[in-house]
Protein backbone atom coordinates (compact mmCIF):
# COMPACT_ATOMS: atom_id res chain seq x y z
CA MET A 1 2.62 19.99 -37.09
CA SER A 2 3.29 17.14 -39.50
CA SER A 3 1.27 13.94 -39.26
CA GLY A 4 4.46 11.88 -38.83
CA ARG A 5 5.39 13.40 -35.46
CA VAL A 6 2.73 11.77 -33.29
CA PRO A 7 3.53 8.16 -34.32
CA ARG A 8 7.27 8.88 -33.99
CA ARG A 9 6.74 10.29 -30.48
CA ARG A 10 4.59 7.29 -29.56
CA PHE A 11 7.27 4.90 -30.90
CA THR A 12 9.99 6.70 -28.89
CA LEU A 13 7.88 6.49 -25.73
CA LEU A 14 7.20 2.77 -26.28
CA ALA A 15 10.89 2.08 -26.93
CA ALA A 16 11.91 3.94 -23.76
CA THR A 17 9.30 2.01 -21.75
CA ALA A 18 10.58 -1.31 -23.11
CA VAL A 19 14.19 -0.44 -22.21
CA ALA A 20 13.19 0.62 -18.69
CA GLY A 21 11.21 -2.60 -18.25
CA ALA A 22 14.16 -4.70 -19.38
CA LEU A 23 16.48 -2.92 -16.93
CA THR A 24 14.03 -3.47 -14.08
CA LEU A 25 13.75 -7.17 -14.87
CA SER A 26 17.51 -7.61 -15.06
CA ALA A 27 18.03 -5.70 -11.82
CA CYS A 28 15.70 -7.88 -9.76
CA SER A 29 15.24 -11.38 -11.05
CA ASP A 30 13.94 -14.54 -9.47
CA ASP A 31 15.61 -16.59 -12.17
CA GLY A 32 18.89 -14.78 -12.82
CA VAL A 33 21.10 -16.21 -15.48
CA LYS A 34 23.74 -13.53 -15.94
CA SER A 35 27.16 -14.37 -14.59
CA GLY A 36 28.81 -10.99 -14.60
CA GLY A 37 30.88 -11.66 -17.69
CA GLY A 38 33.96 -13.80 -18.44
CA GLY A 39 36.43 -15.07 -15.91
CA ASN A 40 37.29 -18.66 -15.09
CA THR A 41 35.26 -19.36 -11.96
CA ASN A 42 35.22 -23.18 -12.31
CA PHE A 43 31.45 -23.22 -11.69
CA VAL A 44 29.46 -26.24 -12.87
CA THR A 45 25.75 -25.45 -13.06
CA ALA A 46 23.09 -28.05 -12.23
CA SER A 47 19.57 -28.11 -13.67
CA SER A 48 18.40 -26.39 -10.46
CA GLY A 49 20.45 -23.34 -11.43
CA ILE A 50 22.84 -23.89 -8.52
CA SER A 51 26.48 -23.67 -9.57
CA THR A 52 29.16 -25.48 -7.57
CA VAL A 53 32.95 -25.74 -7.65
CA ALA A 54 34.87 -28.95 -6.90
CA LYS A 55 36.86 -28.66 -3.68
CA GLY A 56 40.25 -28.66 -5.39
CA ASP A 57 39.25 -25.97 -7.92
CA ARG A 58 37.89 -23.30 -5.57
CA THR A 59 39.27 -19.78 -5.37
CA ALA A 60 39.53 -17.61 -2.27
CA ALA A 61 36.62 -15.33 -1.46
CA PRO A 62 37.44 -11.61 -1.58
CA LYS A 63 37.82 -9.50 1.54
CA LEU A 64 34.28 -8.61 2.60
CA ASP A 65 34.09 -6.16 5.44
CA GLY A 66 32.23 -3.05 6.41
CA THR A 67 29.39 -1.71 8.51
CA THR A 68 26.22 -3.70 9.15
CA LEU A 69 22.68 -2.37 9.09
CA ASP A 70 22.85 -2.08 12.89
CA ASP A 71 26.06 0.00 12.64
CA LYS A 72 28.53 -2.67 13.77
CA GLN A 73 31.80 -3.59 12.06
CA LEU A 74 31.87 -7.00 10.39
CA ASP A 75 34.61 -8.89 8.56
CA VAL A 76 33.48 -12.13 6.89
CA ALA A 77 37.05 -13.49 7.29
CA ASP A 78 36.34 -13.77 11.03
CA TYR A 79 33.98 -16.67 10.18
CA LYS A 80 36.73 -18.82 8.64
CA GLY A 81 36.19 -22.39 9.81
CA LYS A 82 32.44 -22.05 9.22
CA VAL A 83 30.33 -22.42 6.09
CA VAL A 84 29.31 -18.85 5.21
CA VAL A 85 26.10 -18.19 3.25
CA LEU A 86 26.20 -14.73 1.64
CA ASN A 87 22.87 -13.46 0.35
CA VAL A 88 22.79 -10.29 -1.77
CA TRP A 89 19.41 -8.58 -1.41
CA GLY A 90 17.51 -5.29 -1.48
CA SER A 91 14.28 -4.24 0.20
CA TRP A 92 13.06 -2.96 -3.20
CA CYS A 93 13.34 -6.45 -4.76
CA GLY A 94 10.22 -8.66 -5.00
CA PRO A 95 12.04 -12.01 -5.28
CA CYS A 96 14.14 -11.00 -2.24
CA ARG A 97 10.92 -10.68 -0.24
CA LEU A 98 9.80 -14.13 -1.43
CA GLU A 99 13.02 -15.87 -0.37
CA ALA A 100 13.63 -13.96 2.91
CA LYS A 101 11.48 -16.28 5.04
CA TYR A 102 13.42 -19.31 3.78
CA PHE A 103 16.75 -17.72 4.61
CA ALA A 104 15.56 -16.79 8.11
CA LYS A 105 14.28 -20.35 8.67
CA VAL A 106 17.35 -22.20 7.35
CA ALA A 107 19.71 -19.85 9.23
CA LYS A 108 18.02 -20.90 12.48
CA GLU A 109 18.00 -24.59 11.49
CA THR A 110 21.75 -24.62 10.83
CA GLU A 111 22.91 -22.48 13.78
CA GLY A 112 24.55 -25.42 15.56
CA GLN A 113 26.24 -26.80 12.43
CA ASP A 114 29.02 -24.22 11.99
CA VAL A 115 27.05 -22.23 9.42
CA GLN A 116 26.94 -18.42 9.41
CA PHE A 117 24.50 -16.45 7.27
CA VAL A 118 25.47 -12.91 6.24
CA GLY A 119 23.40 -10.57 4.10
CA ILE A 120 24.78 -7.97 1.71
CA ASN A 121 22.15 -5.27 1.36
CA THR A 122 22.56 -3.37 -1.91
CA ARG A 123 21.02 -0.37 -3.66
CA ASP A 124 18.92 0.67 -0.65
CA THR A 125 19.62 4.38 -0.41
CA GLN A 126 17.77 4.57 2.92
CA LYS A 127 19.12 2.18 5.52
CA SER A 128 15.80 2.34 7.37
CA LEU A 129 14.06 0.49 4.51
CA ALA A 130 16.53 -2.39 4.80
CA VAL A 131 16.19 -2.49 8.60
CA SER A 132 12.39 -2.66 8.26
CA PHE A 133 12.74 -5.48 5.72
CA GLU A 134 14.79 -7.56 8.18
CA GLN A 135 12.28 -6.93 10.96
CA ASP A 136 9.32 -7.83 8.72
CA TYR A 137 10.85 -11.16 7.64
CA GLY A 138 12.48 -12.19 10.93
CA VAL A 139 16.04 -11.95 9.62
CA THR A 140 18.31 -12.08 12.68
CA TYR A 141 21.73 -12.60 11.08
CA PRO A 142 23.87 -9.55 10.18
CA SER A 143 23.77 -7.76 6.85
CA LEU A 144 26.54 -5.57 5.49
CA TYR A 145 25.21 -2.27 4.16
CA ASP A 146 26.46 -1.88 0.58
CA PRO A 147 24.23 0.70 -1.13
CA THR A 148 26.53 1.22 -4.14
CA GLY A 149 27.46 -2.43 -4.74
CA LYS A 150 31.19 -2.03 -3.97
CA LEU A 151 31.35 -5.35 -2.09
CA ILE A 152 29.81 -7.22 -5.03
CA LEU A 153 32.50 -5.80 -7.32
CA ARG A 154 35.20 -7.39 -5.13
CA PHE A 155 34.16 -10.89 -6.24
CA PRO A 156 36.17 -12.54 -9.04
CA LYS A 157 34.88 -11.70 -12.50
CA GLY A 158 32.07 -14.03 -13.49
CA THR A 159 30.92 -14.74 -9.91
CA LEU A 160 28.25 -12.10 -9.27
CA ASN A 161 26.48 -9.42 -11.27
CA LEU A 162 25.17 -6.14 -9.89
CA GLN A 163 22.14 -6.52 -12.14
CA THR A 164 21.08 -9.92 -10.76
CA ILE A 165 19.53 -9.52 -7.33
CA PRO A 166 18.96 -11.66 -5.30
CA SER A 167 22.07 -13.78 -5.54
CA THR A 168 23.68 -16.16 -3.07
CA VAL A 169 27.29 -17.31 -2.69
CA VAL A 170 28.43 -20.00 -0.25
CA ILE A 171 31.98 -19.93 1.11
CA ASP A 172 33.48 -23.14 2.46
CA ARG A 173 35.28 -23.55 5.80
CA ASP A 174 38.60 -22.68 4.14
CA GLY A 175 37.30 -19.31 2.97
CA LYS A 176 36.85 -20.36 -0.67
CA ILE A 177 33.91 -19.83 -3.02
CA ALA A 178 32.10 -23.17 -3.27
CA ALA A 179 28.59 -22.50 -4.66
CA ARG A 180 26.45 -19.81 -6.22
CA LYS A 181 22.86 -19.16 -7.29
CA LEU A 182 21.86 -16.15 -9.35
CA GLY A 183 18.22 -15.66 -8.48
CA ALA A 184 15.88 -16.50 -5.62
CA LEU A 185 16.09 -19.68 -3.55
CA ASP A 186 13.48 -21.62 -1.64
CA GLU A 187 14.15 -23.75 1.44
CA GLU A 188 14.84 -26.94 -0.53
CA LYS A 189 17.35 -25.33 -2.90
CA LEU A 190 19.05 -23.52 -0.06
CA HIS A 191 19.64 -26.84 1.69
CA GLU A 192 20.80 -28.31 -1.63
CA MET A 193 23.46 -25.60 -1.72
CA ILE A 194 24.74 -25.76 1.83
CA ASP A 195 24.20 -29.32 3.11
CA PRO A 196 27.06 -30.84 1.03
CA LEU A 197 29.39 -28.16 2.41
CA ILE A 198 28.28 -28.80 5.98
CA ALA A 199 29.16 -32.48 5.39
CA GLU A 200 32.63 -31.71 3.99
CA LYS A 201 35.57 -32.56 6.22
């Protein structure tokens, strides 16, 4: 065995570990910055990382329908006339666990203000893990079960990225995409996203 093989093997192992680490970080980020590639989404991003679209420049949200974690049929279009907060999450994602309590709290606070929260659970191959997550964090609003990310791919290019979880999109009362945050949100930033849309007439 030549003396050059051991260092080369060690280098290959280190390189593979670095790539795997980078993929893990990009797949579950509390400070996501990827936009999913090109596309004119009309987003303007504030220093908080929250991106918004002026009312006249918004595009229609895609059709988002399917089966929820409790095996019911749900079509987000049925909520037209309400502000809809869509949160993309996975039980495997650390930042998702950090923000879950804020989403549960703000969902309850805004119940009487024509706001509907909907989760999109992604990349959980076992539905039971996602159901346990919701129970653990007191999430009472419905979540569409989207283990392969097909619903995320329906969004216009540049809106969401399968590699940036958690992410949140807010749809206005007319069914148009109004705001987005790639990465985790706390209670204050969540209100910063939705309160202006609640106030819109």
